[in-house]
Amino acid sequence: MNISNNIAAIILEMLERDGMTEIQRNVLAQTLGCVPSQINYVIASRFTPEHGYIVESRRGGGGYIRISRIKLGGSALLMHAVNSIGSAIDERSCRAHILNLHDSNALQPQAARLMLAATADGALREVPPASRDAVRAAVFKNMLLCAVNQQQTQTEV
């Protein structure tokens, strides 16, 4: 197992306890015998909002990195995704959001498949490459908002 996988496994183990952990980057790096930038890389690539995590940090001598698993359900999780997308999103990040929402049971399989198809580069091939990520973000947000409305309508009935 490579060092990135070891770091991710340790962080995931810490998160299993209560859904939140605070890490002192230098201490963890020393324990694992790696450089602190490797800790940063793993956190930046594997513990992102699209993967269902919130990362906060405090710099300085007593600084830490706090990682929390997002514990939202249904509509709230969908709205969190809408708010975390921004004005542009690439296909890979969009796919990660959709798969995470599906795995969290916030999206039904059919809705997830439709979103994957609608936001794929192939579906947007007629859009100029410079605008593609912005169009994808707008389409994805609109689809998520429709899913929120559908869930809210179903719970009102």
N, C-alpha and C. Protein backbone atom coordinates (compact mmCIF):
# COMPACT_ATOMS: atom_id res chain seq x y z
N MET A 1 0.86 -1.18 0.00
CA MET A 1 0.00 0.00 0.00
C MET A 1 0.90 1.24 0.00
N ASN A 2 0.59 2.22 -0.85
CA ASN A 2 1.43 3.41 -0.90
C ASN A 2 1.10 4.38 0.23
N ILE A 3 1.93 5.39 0.40
CA ILE A 3 1.79 6.31 1.52
C ILE A 3 0.46 7.06 1.49
N SER A 4 -0.01 7.45 0.30
CA SER A 4 -1.30 8.16 0.20
C SER A 4 -2.43 7.29 0.71
N ASN A 5 -2.42 6.02 0.34
CA ASN A 5 -3.46 5.11 0.82
C ASN A 5 -3.38 4.91 2.33
N ASN A 6 -2.16 4.85 2.87
CA ASN A 6 -1.98 4.72 4.32
C ASN A 6 -2.55 5.94 5.04
N ILE A 7 -2.23 7.11 4.53
CA ILE A 7 -2.72 8.35 5.15
C ILE A 7 -4.25 8.38 5.12
N ALA A 8 -4.83 8.07 3.95
CA ALA A 8 -6.28 8.07 3.82
C ALA A 8 -6.91 7.05 4.76
N ALA A 9 -6.32 5.87 4.87
CA ALA A 9 -6.86 4.82 5.75
C ALA A 9 -6.85 5.27 7.21
N ILE A 10 -5.77 5.91 7.63
CA ILE A 10 -5.68 6.39 9.02
C ILE A 10 -6.73 7.46 9.29
N ILE A 11 -6.89 8.40 8.35
CA ILE A 11 -7.89 9.45 8.53
C ILE A 11 -9.29 8.85 8.55
N LEU A 12 -9.58 7.91 7.65
CA LEU A 12 -10.89 7.26 7.63
C LEU A 12 -11.16 6.52 8.94
N GLU A 13 -10.13 5.88 9.48
CA GLU A 13 -10.28 5.18 10.76
C GLU A 13 -10.63 6.17 11.88
N MET A 14 -9.95 7.33 11.87
CA MET A 14 -10.25 8.37 12.86
C MET A 14 -11.68 8.88 12.70
N LEU A 15 -12.13 9.02 11.47
CA LEU A 15 -13.48 9.52 11.20
C LEU A 15 -14.55 8.52 11.61
N GLU A 16 -14.24 7.24 11.57
CA GLU A 16 -15.21 6.20 11.93
C GLU A 16 -15.69 6.34 13.37
N ARG A 17 -14.84 6.83 14.22
CA ARG A 17 -15.19 6.93 15.64
C ARG A 17 -16.38 7.84 15.90
N ASP A 18 -16.32 9.08 15.40
CA ASP A 18 -17.43 10.00 15.66
C ASP A 18 -17.77 10.91 14.50
N GLY A 19 -17.28 10.60 13.31
CA GLY A 19 -17.62 11.38 12.12
C GLY A 19 -16.85 12.68 11.98
N MET A 20 -15.88 12.92 12.90
CA MET A 20 -15.08 14.14 12.86
C MET A 20 -13.73 13.83 13.50
N THR A 21 -12.68 14.44 12.95
CA THR A 21 -11.36 14.28 13.55
C THR A 21 -10.55 15.55 13.37
N GLU A 22 -9.66 15.80 14.30
CA GLU A 22 -8.72 16.91 14.19
C GLU A 22 -7.33 16.31 14.06
N ILE A 23 -6.61 16.80 13.07
CA ILE A 23 -5.29 16.27 12.77
C ILE A 23 -4.27 17.39 12.89
N GLN A 24 -3.17 17.11 13.53
CA GLN A 24 -2.03 18.02 13.49
C GLN A 24 -1.11 17.45 12.41
N ARG A 25 -1.04 18.17 11.32
CA ARG A 25 -0.37 17.71 10.11
C ARG A 25 1.06 17.24 10.38
N ASN A 26 1.82 18.04 11.10
CA ASN A 26 3.22 17.69 11.36
C ASN A 26 3.35 16.44 12.20
N VAL A 27 2.47 16.28 13.18
CA VAL A 27 2.51 15.10 14.05
C VAL A 27 2.19 13.85 13.23
N LEU A 28 1.15 13.90 12.41
CA LEU A 28 0.79 12.75 11.58
C LEU A 28 1.91 12.44 10.59
N ALA A 29 2.50 13.46 10.00
CA ALA A 29 3.58 13.24 9.04
C ALA A 29 4.78 12.57 9.73
N GLN A 30 5.10 13.01 10.92
CA GLN A 30 6.21 12.42 11.68
C GLN A 30 5.91 10.96 12.01
N THR A 31 4.68 10.69 12.43
CA THR A 31 4.27 9.33 12.78
C THR A 31 4.40 8.39 11.59
N LEU A 32 4.03 8.87 10.41
CA LEU A 32 4.04 8.04 9.22
C LEU A 32 5.37 8.08 8.46
N GLY A 33 6.25 8.98 8.86
CA GLY A 33 7.54 9.10 8.19
C GLY A 33 7.42 9.69 6.80
N CYS A 34 6.58 10.69 6.66
CA CYS A 34 6.41 11.35 5.36
C CYS A 34 6.51 12.86 5.56
N VAL A 35 6.43 13.59 4.47
CA VAL A 35 6.46 15.05 4.57
C VAL A 35 5.03 15.58 4.73
N PRO A 36 4.85 16.70 5.42
CA PRO A 36 3.51 17.26 5.64
C PRO A 36 2.74 17.53 4.34
N SER A 37 3.45 17.84 3.26
CA SER A 37 2.74 18.11 2.01
C SER A 37 2.00 16.88 1.50
N GLN A 38 2.46 15.68 1.87
CA GLN A 38 1.73 14.46 1.48
C GLN A 38 0.38 14.38 2.20
N ILE A 39 0.35 14.84 3.44
CA ILE A 39 -0.90 14.89 4.20
C ILE A 39 -1.85 15.86 3.49
N ASN A 40 -1.32 17.04 3.13
CA ASN A 40 -2.13 18.03 2.42
C ASN A 40 -2.70 17.45 1.13
N TYR A 41 -1.88 16.75 0.36
CA TYR A 41 -2.31 16.18 -0.92
C TYR A 41 -3.48 15.21 -0.71
N VAL A 42 -3.36 14.33 0.26
CA VAL A 42 -4.41 13.34 0.51
C VAL A 42 -5.71 14.03 0.93
N ILE A 43 -5.60 15.00 1.79
CA ILE A 43 -6.79 15.72 2.25
C ILE A 43 -7.43 16.47 1.09
N ALA A 44 -6.62 17.16 0.28
CA ALA A 44 -7.14 17.94 -0.83
C ALA A 44 -7.76 17.08 -1.92
N SER A 45 -7.27 15.86 -2.08
CA SER A 45 -7.78 15.02 -3.17
C SER A 45 -8.84 14.01 -2.75
N ARG A 46 -8.86 13.60 -1.50
CA ARG A 46 -9.78 12.54 -1.08
C ARG A 46 -10.84 12.96 -0.08
N PHE A 47 -10.66 14.10 0.57
CA PHE A 47 -11.60 14.53 1.60
C PHE A 47 -12.19 15.88 1.19
N THR A 48 -12.91 15.85 0.10
CA THR A 48 -13.48 17.06 -0.51
C THR A 48 -14.99 17.08 -0.33
N PRO A 49 -15.63 18.22 -0.53
CA PRO A 49 -17.09 18.27 -0.42
C PRO A 49 -17.80 17.28 -1.36
N GLU A 50 -17.26 17.11 -2.58
CA GLU A 50 -17.91 16.17 -3.49
C GLU A 50 -17.79 14.72 -3.03
N HIS A 51 -16.83 14.47 -2.12
CA HIS A 51 -16.72 13.13 -1.53
C HIS A 51 -17.44 13.05 -0.18
N GLY A 52 -18.10 14.14 0.22
CA GLY A 52 -18.90 14.12 1.44
C GLY A 52 -18.19 14.58 2.70
N TYR A 53 -17.19 15.45 2.57
CA TYR A 53 -16.43 15.90 3.73
C TYR A 53 -16.36 17.43 3.77
N ILE A 54 -16.22 17.95 4.99
CA ILE A 54 -15.95 19.37 5.21
C ILE A 54 -14.58 19.45 5.87
N VAL A 55 -13.69 20.27 5.33
CA VAL A 55 -12.35 20.41 5.87
C VAL A 55 -12.16 21.85 6.33
N GLU A 56 -11.74 22.02 7.57
CA GLU A 56 -11.45 23.34 8.14
C GLU A 56 -10.02 23.29 8.66
N SER A 57 -9.33 24.41 8.61
CA SER A 57 -7.97 24.41 9.16
C SER A 57 -7.70 25.68 9.94
N ARG A 58 -6.81 25.53 10.90
CA ARG A 58 -6.32 26.67 11.67
C ARG A 58 -4.81 26.61 11.63
N ARG A 59 -4.22 27.69 11.21
CA ARG A 59 -2.76 27.74 11.06
C ARG A 59 -2.11 28.19 12.36
N GLY A 60 -0.83 27.97 12.43
CA GLY A 60 -0.07 28.42 13.60
C GLY A 60 0.47 27.24 14.38
N GLY A 61 1.14 27.55 15.49
CA GLY A 61 1.78 26.52 16.32
C GLY A 61 0.84 25.46 16.83
N GLY A 62 -0.34 25.85 17.25
CA GLY A 62 -1.32 24.88 17.73
C GLY A 62 -2.36 24.57 16.67
N GLY A 63 -1.99 24.77 15.43
CA GLY A 63 -2.93 24.60 14.33
C GLY A 63 -3.35 23.17 14.13
N TYR A 64 -4.44 23.01 13.42
CA TYR A 64 -4.98 21.69 13.16
C TYR A 64 -5.76 21.71 11.85
N ILE A 65 -6.07 20.54 11.39
CA ILE A 65 -6.98 20.37 10.26
C ILE A 65 -8.13 19.53 10.79
N ARG A 66 -9.34 20.06 10.71
CA ARG A 66 -10.53 19.36 11.17
C ARG A 66 -11.27 18.82 9.95
N ILE A 67 -11.53 17.52 9.94
CA ILE A 67 -12.26 16.88 8.85
C ILE A 67 -13.53 16.30 9.43
N SER A 68 -14.66 16.63 8.80
CA SER A 68 -15.96 16.12 9.24
C SER A 68 -16.67 15.48 8.07
N ARG A 69 -17.33 14.38 8.35
CA ARG A 69 -18.17 13.76 7.34
C ARG A 69 -19.50 14.51 7.35
N ILE A 70 -19.97 14.86 6.17
CA ILE A 70 -21.23 15.57 6.06
C ILE A 70 -22.35 14.61 6.46
N LYS A 71 -23.14 15.02 7.45
CA LYS A 71 -24.22 14.18 7.95
C LYS A 71 -25.56 14.84 7.65
N LEU A 72 -25.86 14.91 6.40
CA LEU A 72 -27.13 15.49 5.99
C LEU A 72 -27.92 14.41 5.26
N GLY A 73 -29.20 14.60 5.19
CA GLY A 73 -30.01 13.63 4.47
C GLY A 73 -30.82 14.30 3.39
N GLY A 74 -31.18 13.52 2.39
CA GLY A 74 -32.11 13.94 1.35
C GLY A 74 -31.89 15.33 0.80
N SER A 75 -32.90 16.16 0.97
CA SER A 75 -32.91 17.51 0.40
C SER A 75 -31.76 18.36 0.92
N ALA A 76 -31.42 18.24 2.19
CA ALA A 76 -30.34 19.04 2.76
C ALA A 76 -29.00 18.68 2.11
N LEU A 77 -28.78 17.41 1.85
CA LEU A 77 -27.55 16.98 1.20
C LEU A 77 -27.50 17.48 -0.24
N LEU A 78 -28.62 17.44 -0.93
CA LEU A 78 -28.69 17.95 -2.30
C LEU A 78 -28.41 19.46 -2.31
N MET A 79 -28.98 20.19 -1.37
CA MET A 79 -28.75 21.64 -1.32
C MET A 79 -27.29 21.95 -0.97
N HIS A 80 -26.69 21.14 -0.11
CA HIS A 80 -25.27 21.33 0.19
C HIS A 80 -24.46 21.17 -1.10
N ALA A 81 -24.80 20.19 -1.92
CA ALA A 81 -24.11 19.99 -3.19
C ALA A 81 -24.29 21.20 -4.10
N VAL A 82 -25.52 21.71 -4.21
CA VAL A 82 -25.79 22.89 -5.03
C VAL A 82 -24.91 24.05 -4.59
N ASN A 83 -24.83 24.26 -3.29
CA ASN A 83 -24.06 25.40 -2.76
C ASN A 83 -22.55 25.21 -2.87
N SER A 84 -22.09 23.98 -3.00
CA SER A 84 -20.64 23.75 -3.06
C SER A 84 -20.10 23.71 -4.49
N ILE A 85 -20.97 23.74 -5.49
CA ILE A 85 -20.53 23.59 -6.88
C ILE A 85 -19.82 24.82 -7.42
N GLY A 86 -20.31 25.99 -7.19
CA GLY A 86 -19.69 27.18 -7.75
C GLY A 86 -20.19 27.45 -9.16
N SER A 87 -19.46 28.27 -9.90
CA SER A 87 -19.92 28.68 -11.22
C SER A 87 -19.44 27.77 -12.34
N ALA A 88 -18.55 26.83 -12.03
CA ALA A 88 -18.06 25.89 -13.04
C ALA A 88 -17.65 24.60 -12.35
N ILE A 89 -17.77 23.49 -13.09
CA ILE A 89 -17.36 22.19 -12.54
C ILE A 89 -16.92 21.29 -13.69
N ASP A 90 -15.82 20.58 -13.48
CA ASP A 90 -15.36 19.68 -14.53
C ASP A 90 -16.11 18.35 -14.44
N GLU A 91 -15.99 17.54 -15.48
CA GLU A 91 -16.76 16.29 -15.55
C GLU A 91 -16.40 15.35 -14.39
N ARG A 92 -15.14 15.25 -14.05
CA ARG A 92 -14.70 14.34 -12.99
C ARG A 92 -15.30 14.73 -11.64
N SER A 93 -15.25 16.01 -11.31
CA SER A 93 -15.80 16.47 -10.03
C SER A 93 -17.31 16.32 -10.00
N CYS A 94 -17.96 16.59 -11.12
CA CYS A 94 -19.40 16.44 -11.21
C CYS A 94 -19.79 14.98 -10.99
N ARG A 95 -19.06 14.09 -11.62
CA ARG A 95 -19.30 12.65 -11.46
C ARG A 95 -19.13 12.22 -10.00
N ALA A 96 -18.09 12.75 -9.34
CA ALA A 96 -17.86 12.41 -7.93
C ALA A 96 -19.03 12.88 -7.06
N HIS A 97 -19.54 14.09 -7.32
CA HIS A 97 -20.72 14.59 -6.59
C HIS A 97 -21.90 13.64 -6.78
N ILE A 98 -22.18 13.29 -8.02
CA ILE A 98 -23.34 12.45 -8.33
C ILE A 98 -23.22 11.09 -7.66
N LEU A 99 -22.06 10.46 -7.76
CA LEU A 99 -21.87 9.14 -7.15
C LEU A 99 -21.97 9.21 -5.63
N ASN A 100 -21.44 10.27 -5.02
CA ASN A 100 -21.56 10.44 -3.58
C ASN A 100 -23.01 10.62 -3.17
N LEU A 101 -23.75 11.42 -3.92
CA LEU A 101 -25.17 11.62 -3.61
C LEU A 101 -25.96 10.33 -3.77
N HIS A 102 -25.62 9.55 -4.77
CA HIS A 102 -26.28 8.25 -4.95
C HIS A 102 -25.93 7.31 -3.80
N ASP A 103 -24.63 7.24 -3.46
CA ASP A 103 -24.19 6.36 -2.37
C ASP A 103 -24.81 6.76 -1.03
N SER A 104 -25.14 8.04 -0.88
CA SER A 104 -25.75 8.54 0.35
C SER A 104 -27.28 8.42 0.32
N ASN A 105 -27.80 7.82 -0.73
CA ASN A 105 -29.24 7.64 -0.93
C ASN A 105 -30.00 8.95 -1.10
N ALA A 106 -29.30 10.02 -1.48
CA ALA A 106 -29.97 11.29 -1.75
C ALA A 106 -30.50 11.31 -3.18
N LEU A 107 -29.95 10.46 -4.04
CA LEU A 107 -30.41 10.35 -5.43
C LEU A 107 -30.78 8.91 -5.73
N GLN A 108 -31.88 8.73 -6.39
CA GLN A 108 -32.28 7.41 -6.86
C GLN A 108 -31.38 7.00 -8.03
N PRO A 109 -31.20 5.70 -8.28
CA PRO A 109 -30.32 5.26 -9.36
C PRO A 109 -30.67 5.86 -10.73
N GLN A 110 -31.94 5.94 -11.05
CA GLN A 110 -32.32 6.49 -12.35
C GLN A 110 -31.95 7.97 -12.46
N ALA A 111 -32.18 8.73 -11.41
CA ALA A 111 -31.82 10.15 -11.41
C ALA A 111 -30.31 10.32 -11.55
N ALA A 112 -29.54 9.49 -10.85
CA ALA A 112 -28.08 9.57 -10.93
C ALA A 112 -27.60 9.27 -12.35
N ARG A 113 -28.18 8.24 -12.97
CA ARG A 113 -27.79 7.91 -14.35
C ARG A 113 -28.11 9.05 -15.31
N LEU A 114 -29.27 9.66 -15.14
CA LEU A 114 -29.64 10.79 -16.00
C LEU A 114 -28.69 11.98 -15.81
N MET A 115 -28.34 12.26 -14.56
CA MET A 115 -27.42 13.36 -14.29
C MET A 115 -26.04 13.08 -14.87
N LEU A 116 -25.58 11.84 -14.74
CA LEU A 116 -24.29 11.49 -15.32
C LEU A 116 -24.30 11.68 -16.84
N ALA A 117 -25.38 11.27 -17.47
CA ALA A 117 -25.48 11.40 -18.93
C ALA A 117 -25.56 12.86 -19.34
N ALA A 118 -26.34 13.66 -18.62
CA ALA A 118 -26.56 15.06 -19.01
C ALA A 118 -25.33 15.95 -18.78
N THR A 119 -24.47 15.55 -17.84
CA THR A 119 -23.32 16.39 -17.51
C THR A 119 -22.01 15.86 -18.09
N ALA A 120 -22.07 14.79 -18.85
CA ALA A 120 -20.86 14.20 -19.46
C ALA A 120 -20.34 15.11 -20.57
N ASP A 121 -19.04 15.04 -20.80
CA ASP A 121 -18.44 15.82 -21.89
C ASP A 121 -19.10 15.52 -23.23
N GLY A 122 -19.47 14.27 -23.45
CA GLY A 122 -20.12 13.89 -24.70
C GLY A 122 -21.43 14.62 -24.93
N ALA A 123 -22.19 14.83 -23.87
CA ALA A 123 -23.46 15.53 -24.00
C ALA A 123 -23.25 17.02 -24.24
N LEU A 124 -22.10 17.53 -23.84
CA LEU A 124 -21.81 18.96 -23.96
C LEU A 124 -20.80 19.25 -25.08
N ARG A 125 -20.62 18.31 -25.99
CA ARG A 125 -19.59 18.48 -27.03
C ARG A 125 -19.85 19.65 -27.97
N GLU A 126 -21.11 20.08 -28.10
CA GLU A 126 -21.42 21.23 -28.95
C GLU A 126 -21.15 22.56 -28.26
N VAL A 127 -20.92 22.51 -26.96
CA VAL A 127 -20.61 23.72 -26.19
C VAL A 127 -19.11 23.99 -26.33
N PRO A 128 -18.72 25.21 -26.61
CA PRO A 128 -17.29 25.52 -26.74
C PRO A 128 -16.55 25.10 -25.45
N PRO A 129 -15.37 24.49 -25.59
CA PRO A 129 -14.63 24.01 -24.42
C PRO A 129 -14.43 25.06 -23.32
N ALA A 130 -14.27 26.30 -23.69
CA ALA A 130 -14.05 27.36 -22.70
C ALA A 130 -15.29 27.59 -21.83
N SER A 131 -16.47 27.23 -22.32
CA SER A 131 -17.72 27.44 -21.59
C SER A 131 -18.29 26.15 -20.99
N ARG A 132 -17.71 25.03 -21.36
CA ARG A 132 -18.29 23.72 -21.01
C ARG A 132 -18.49 23.52 -19.50
N ASP A 133 -17.49 23.86 -18.69
CA ASP A 133 -17.61 23.63 -17.24
C ASP A 133 -18.66 24.54 -16.60
N ALA A 134 -18.83 25.74 -17.12
CA ALA A 134 -19.86 26.65 -16.61
C ALA A 134 -21.24 26.15 -16.99
N VAL A 135 -21.41 25.67 -18.21
CA VAL A 135 -22.70 25.12 -18.64
C VAL A 135 -23.01 23.87 -17.83
N ARG A 136 -22.00 23.01 -17.62
CA ARG A 136 -22.20 21.79 -16.84
C ARG A 136 -22.67 22.13 -15.43
N ALA A 137 -22.05 23.15 -14.81
CA ALA A 137 -22.44 23.55 -13.45
C ALA A 137 -23.89 24.02 -13.42
N ALA A 138 -24.29 24.82 -14.41
CA ALA A 138 -25.66 25.33 -14.45
C ALA A 138 -26.65 24.18 -14.65
N VAL A 139 -26.35 23.25 -15.54
CA VAL A 139 -27.23 22.10 -15.79
C VAL A 139 -27.32 21.23 -14.53
N PHE A 140 -26.17 20.95 -13.93
CA PHE A 140 -26.13 20.09 -12.75
C PHE A 140 -26.91 20.71 -11.58
N LYS A 141 -26.69 22.00 -11.33
CA LYS A 141 -27.42 22.68 -10.26
C LYS A 141 -28.92 22.64 -10.51
N ASN A 142 -29.33 22.87 -11.75
CA ASN A 142 -30.75 22.85 -12.08
C ASN A 142 -31.34 21.46 -11.84
N MET A 143 -30.61 20.43 -12.22
CA MET A 143 -31.08 19.06 -11.99
C MET A 143 -31.18 18.75 -10.50
N LEU A 144 -30.21 19.21 -9.74
CA LEU A 144 -30.25 18.99 -8.29
C LEU A 144 -31.43 19.72 -7.65
N LEU A 145 -31.69 20.95 -8.09
CA LEU A 145 -32.82 21.70 -7.55
C LEU A 145 -34.14 21.01 -7.90
N CYS A 146 -34.23 20.44 -9.09
CA CYS A 146 -35.43 19.68 -9.45
C CYS A 146 -35.59 18.46 -8.55
N ALA A 147 -34.47 17.80 -8.22
CA ALA A 147 -34.52 16.64 -7.33
C ALA A 147 -34.96 17.07 -5.93
N VAL A 148 -34.48 18.22 -5.46
CA VAL A 148 -34.90 18.75 -4.15
C VAL A 148 -36.41 18.99 -4.16
N ASN A 149 -36.89 19.67 -5.19
CA ASN A 149 -38.33 19.95 -5.29
C ASN A 149 -39.14 18.67 -5.32
N GLN A 150 -38.66 17.67 -6.03
CA GLN A 150 -39.37 16.40 -6.11
C GLN A 150 -39.41 15.73 -4.74
N GLN A 151 -38.31 15.73 -4.00
CA GLN A 151 -38.28 15.13 -2.68
C GLN A 151 -39.20 15.85 -1.71
N GLN A 152 -39.22 17.19 -1.80
CA GLN A 152 -40.07 17.96 -0.91
C GLN A 152 -41.54 17.72 -1.23
N THR A 153 -41.86 17.59 -2.50
CA THR A 153 -43.23 17.31 -2.91
C THR A 153 -43.66 15.93 -2.41
N GLN A 154 -42.77 14.96 -2.48
CA GLN A 154 -43.09 13.61 -2.04
C GLN A 154 -43.31 13.54 -0.53
N THR A 155 -42.58 14.35 0.24
CA THR A 155 -42.74 14.31 1.70
C THR A 155 -43.99 15.08 2.14
N GLU A 156 -44.48 15.98 1.29
CA GLU A 156 -45.70 16.73 1.64
C GLU A 156 -46.96 15.91 1.42
N VAL A 157 -46.87 14.93 0.55
CA VAL A 157 -48.07 14.13 0.18
C VAL A 157 -48.41 13.16 1.26
